[in-house]
Amino acid sequence: MFTTARLFLFSKELDSAAKYIDIGISIAQKNNEESEIRNFRRQQAKLNYYLGNFQVAKDTLKKYFEKRKGLSLADDLFYLGMIEGEFGNDIEKKSFFLSVDSIIKIKD
């Protein structure tokens, strides 16, 4: 379910992404799977970014930011940087992007 939601999100098929994110959250809540709830909430934040709900996206990403590492963390930091750019906060945007860059360099 998560991969399907993610693929729709990245292909900017936002209605389909929203549908699978909502289904994923519902299933994860029913099964009391906290890590899956966090994963789907982060995807929901990225959906909100594409929908132009920048503050909601930022708040959600920051709320579910814990326990992230590697490329998953880099992905979240990228979106936080893009959100700061939408707010005109170029210094914060640059800071997030430099963090992404350092994570990617470690992975090389």
Protein backbone atom coordinates (compact mmCIF):
# COMPACT_ATOMS: atom_id res chain seq x y z
CA MET A 1 0.00 0.00 0.00
CA PHE A 2 2.80 2.42 0.95
CA THR A 3 4.67 1.90 -2.32
CA THR A 4 1.51 2.41 -4.36
CA ALA A 5 0.74 5.66 -2.54
CA ARG A 6 4.32 6.81 -3.01
CA LEU A 7 4.31 6.04 -6.74
CA PHE A 8 1.09 7.98 -7.26
CA LEU A 9 2.52 10.87 -5.26
CA PHE A 10 5.73 11.02 -7.27
CA SER A 11 3.82 10.83 -10.55
CA LYS A 12 1.71 13.73 -9.24
CA GLU A 13 -1.52 11.72 -9.47
CA LEU A 14 -2.65 13.42 -6.30
CA ASP A 15 -6.21 12.08 -6.08
CA SER A 16 -4.96 8.49 -6.30
CA ALA A 17 -2.12 9.22 -3.87
CA ALA A 18 -4.60 10.69 -1.38
CA LYS A 19 -6.84 7.64 -1.71
CA TYR A 20 -4.04 5.15 -0.99
CA ILE A 21 -2.56 7.27 1.79
CA ASP A 22 -5.96 7.41 3.51
CA ILE A 23 -6.45 3.65 3.10
CA GLY A 24 -2.93 3.03 4.44
CA ILE A 25 -3.49 5.23 7.48
CA SER A 26 -6.80 3.52 8.18
CA ILE A 27 -5.30 0.02 7.97
CA ALA A 28 -2.27 1.01 10.05
CA GLN A 29 -4.50 2.53 12.73
CA LYS A 30 -6.74 -0.53 12.76
CA ASN A 31 -3.67 -2.77 13.23
CA ASN A 32 -2.06 -0.34 15.70
CA GLU A 33 1.12 -0.11 13.58
CA GLU A 34 2.71 3.14 14.77
CA SER A 35 5.66 3.07 12.37
CA GLU A 36 3.33 2.61 9.39
CA ILE A 37 1.11 5.43 10.61
CA ARG A 38 4.18 7.70 10.74
CA ASN A 39 5.24 6.61 7.24
CA PHE A 40 1.82 7.35 5.77
CA ARG A 41 1.59 10.66 7.65
CA ARG A 42 4.89 11.73 6.10
CA GLN A 43 3.52 10.82 2.67
CA GLN A 44 0.39 12.79 3.52
CA ALA A 45 2.62 15.78 4.33
CA LYS A 46 4.25 15.52 0.91
CA LEU A 47 0.81 15.33 -0.68
CA ASN A 48 -0.09 18.52 1.18
CA TYR A 49 3.06 20.13 -0.23
CA TYR A 50 1.90 19.38 -3.77
CA LEU A 51 -1.59 20.64 -2.92
CA GLY A 52 -0.10 23.94 -1.76
CA ASN A 53 -0.86 23.37 1.92
CA PHE A 54 2.68 24.29 2.91
CA GLN A 55 2.19 25.01 6.61
CA VAL A 56 0.27 21.77 7.16
CA ALA A 57 2.97 19.87 5.26
CA LYS A 58 5.73 21.47 7.33
CA ASP A 59 3.99 20.86 10.64
CA THR A 60 3.34 17.21 9.79
CA LEU A 61 6.89 16.53 8.59
CA LYS A 62 8.31 18.07 11.74
CA LYS A 63 5.89 16.13 13.94
CA TYR A 64 6.90 12.78 12.41
CA PHE A 65 10.57 13.64 11.90
CA GLU A 66 11.97 11.37 14.62
CA LYS A 67 13.70 8.07 13.95
CA ARG A 68 14.65 9.00 10.41
CA LYS A 69 18.00 8.22 8.85
CA GLY A 70 19.66 7.79 5.51
CA LEU A 71 17.82 8.51 2.30
CA SER A 72 14.44 8.56 4.04
CA LEU A 73 15.69 11.45 6.15
CA ALA A 74 17.11 13.14 3.05
CA ASP A 75 13.71 12.91 1.36
CA ASP A 76 11.99 14.59 4.30
CA LEU A 77 14.67 17.28 4.51
CA PHE A 78 14.28 17.95 0.78
CA TYR A 79 10.57 18.65 1.22
CA LEU A 80 11.21 20.81 4.28
CA GLY A 81 13.67 22.80 2.18
CA MET A 82 11.15 23.19 -0.63
CA ILE A 83 8.52 24.34 1.85
CA GLU A 84 10.88 26.94 3.31
CA GLY A 85 11.50 28.13 -0.24
CA GLU A 86 7.76 28.60 -0.72
CA PHE A 87 7.77 30.77 2.40
CA GLY A 88 10.71 32.79 1.08
CA ASN A 89 13.06 31.54 3.79
CA ASP A 90 16.14 31.08 1.63
CA ILE A 91 18.58 30.61 4.52
CA GLU A 92 16.49 27.78 6.02
CA LYS A 93 15.98 26.28 2.55
CA LYS A 94 19.72 26.25 1.95
CA SER A 95 20.33 24.68 5.36
CA PHE A 96 17.94 21.82 4.62
CA PHE A 97 19.48 21.26 1.19
CA LEU A 98 23.00 21.21 2.64
CA SER A 99 21.81 18.53 5.08
CA VAL A 100 20.42 16.52 2.16
CA ASP A 101 23.73 16.90 0.35
CA SER A 102 25.73 15.65 3.33
CA ILE A 103 23.48 12.58 3.68
CA ILE A 104 23.82 11.75 -0.01
CA LYS A 105 27.61 12.16 0.14
CA ILE A 106 27.75 9.65 3.00
CA LYS A 107 25.76 7.17 0.89
CA ASP A 108 28.16 7.47 -2.11
